[in-house]
Structure formats: structure tokens, C-alpha cells
């Protein structure tokens, strides 16, 4: 393998490393955003239906 081909491969490898690092950063930030949304969704669910975890066992049948 000649020196020019080796330099091209090293350059491509370096760019790929940078791209992977950037993608990891983006995925990490997205995971933080998803966690915030999940927390907000649970708080909203608890606000709208505070007894949602009790289940249908405590509800009156529809004929009452």
C-alpha cells in the first residue's frame, strides 16, 4: 500500500471518529430529552388521574 492511500485511509478514519463522537453526543442529548418528557408525562397523568393506579376494582358497575 502506498503512502498516499494510507494517508487517505487515515483521513477517512479520523473523520469517521469525529462523526461517531458527534452522533453519540446527539443520542445522549436526545435520551435526556426523552427522560424529561417521560417525567412530564407521568406528572401530567398523575394530575389528570390522581388515582389511576387503583384500577377498575374500585369503580361502581355501570348499572348503578
C-alpha atoms as a PDB file:
ATOM      1  CA  UNK A   1       0.000   0.000   0.000  1.00  0.00           C
ATOM      2  CA  UNK A   2       1.466   3.311  -0.958  1.00  0.00           C
ATOM      3  CA  UNK A   3       1.773   6.294   1.326  1.00  0.00           C
ATOM      4  CA  UNK A   4      -0.957   8.340  -0.394  1.00  0.00           C
ATOM      5  CA  UNK A   5      -3.522   5.567   0.053  1.00  0.00           C
ATOM      6  CA  UNK A   6      -2.560   5.217   3.703  1.00  0.00           C
ATOM      7  CA  UNK A   7      -2.982   8.979   4.266  1.00  0.00           C
ATOM      8  CA  UNK A   8      -6.425   8.854   2.624  1.00  0.00           C
ATOM      9  CA  UNK A   9      -7.476   5.978   4.883  1.00  0.00           C
ATOM     10  CA  UNK A  10      -6.211   7.745   7.985  1.00  0.00           C
ATOM     11  CA  UNK A  11      -8.079  10.905   6.979  1.00  0.00           C
ATOM     12  CA  UNK A  12     -11.327   8.987   6.431  1.00  0.00           C
ATOM     13  CA  UNK A  13     -10.865   7.193   9.731  1.00  0.00           C
ATOM     14  CA  UNK A  14     -10.337  10.487  11.535  1.00  0.00           C
ATOM     15  CA  UNK A  15     -13.499  11.960  10.008  1.00  0.00           C
ATOM     16  CA  UNK A  16     -15.459   8.853  10.947  1.00  0.00           C
ATOM     17  CA  UNK A  17     -14.242   9.094  14.538  1.00  0.00           C
ATOM     18  CA  UNK A  18     -15.414  12.705  14.689  1.00  0.00           C
ATOM     19  CA  UNK A  19     -18.803  11.821  13.225  1.00  0.00           C
ATOM     20  CA  UNK A  20     -19.273   8.970  15.702  1.00  0.00           C
ATOM     21  CA  UNK A  21     -18.419  11.252  18.607  1.00  0.00           C
ATOM     22  CA  UNK A  22     -20.937  13.821  17.361  1.00  0.00           C
ATOM     23  CA  UNK A  23     -23.634  11.162  16.934  1.00  0.00           C
ATOM     24  CA  UNK A  24     -23.010   9.861  20.461  1.00  0.00           C
ATOM     25  CA  UNK A  25     -23.423  13.389  21.797  1.00  0.00           C
ATOM     26  CA  UNK A  26     -26.706  13.802  19.905  1.00  0.00           C
ATOM     27  CA  UNK A  27     -28.047  10.455  21.114  1.00  0.00           C
ATOM     28  CA  UNK A  28     -27.133  11.334  24.699  1.00  0.00           C
ATOM     29  CA  UNK A  29     -28.909  14.692  24.458  1.00  0.00           C
ATOM     30  CA  UNK A  30     -31.969  13.026  22.927  1.00  0.00           C
ATOM     31  CA  UNK A  31     -32.068  10.484  25.739  1.00  0.00           C
ATOM     32  CA  UNK A  32     -32.048  13.306  28.286  1.00  0.00           C
ATOM     33  CA  UNK A  33     -34.919  14.968  26.422  1.00  0.00           C
ATOM     34  CA  UNK A  34     -36.896  11.722  26.328  1.00  0.00           C
ATOM     35  CA  UNK A  35     -36.378  11.254  30.071  1.00  0.00           C
ATOM     36  CA  UNK A  36     -37.690  14.785  30.701  1.00  0.00           C
ATOM     37  CA  UNK A  37     -40.730  14.115  28.514  1.00  0.00           C
ATOM     38  CA  UNK A  38     -41.440  10.860  30.333  1.00  0.00           C
ATOM     39  CA  UNK A  39     -41.235  12.607  33.694  1.00  0.00           C
ATOM     40  CA  UNK A  40     -43.556  15.375  32.484  1.00  0.00           C
ATOM     41  CA  UNK A  41     -45.978  12.838  31.036  1.00  0.00           C
ATOM     42  CA  UNK A  42     -46.141  10.932  34.318  1.00  0.00           C
ATOM     43  CA  UNK A  43     -46.726  14.163  36.251  1.00  0.00           C
ATOM     44  CA  UNK A  44     -49.478  15.156  33.837  1.00  0.00           C
ATOM     45  CA  UNK A  45     -51.057  11.705  34.080  1.00  0.00           C
ATOM     46  CA  UNK A  46     -50.989  11.889  37.876  1.00  0.00           C
ATOM     47  CA  UNK A  47     -52.508  15.374  37.753  1.00  0.00           C
ATOM     48  CA  UNK A  48     -55.326  14.310  35.426  1.00  0.00           C
ATOM     49  CA  UNK A  49     -55.981  10.934  37.068  1.00  0.00           C
ATOM     50  CA  UNK A  50     -54.559  11.005  40.586  1.00  0.00           C
ATOM     51  CA  UNK A  51     -55.950   7.542  41.416  1.00  0.00           C
ATOM     52  CA  UNK A  52     -55.013   5.877  38.123  1.00  0.00           C
ATOM     53  CA  UNK A  53     -53.009   3.154  39.883  1.00  0.00           C
ATOM     54  CA  UNK A  54     -56.004   1.956  41.906  1.00  0.00           C
ATOM     55  CA  UNK A  55     -57.545   0.194  38.933  1.00  0.00           C
ATOM     56  CA  UNK A  56     -61.099  -0.707  37.965  1.00  0.00           C
ATOM     57  CA  UNK A  57     -61.755  -2.718  41.161  1.00  0.00           C
ATOM     58  CA  UNK A  58     -62.918   0.396  42.989  1.00  0.00           C
ATOM     59  CA  UNK A  59     -65.323   1.585  40.292  1.00  0.00           C
ATOM     60  CA  UNK A  60     -69.064   1.100  40.523  1.00  0.00           C
ATOM     61  CA  UNK A  61     -70.586  -1.165  37.874  1.00  0.00           C
ATOM     62  CA  UNK A  62     -72.270   0.684  35.001  1.00  0.00           C
ATOM     63  CA  UNK A  63     -75.825  -0.269  36.132  1.00  0.00           C
ATOM     64  CA  UNK A  64     -75.626   1.890  39.307  1.00  0.00           C
END
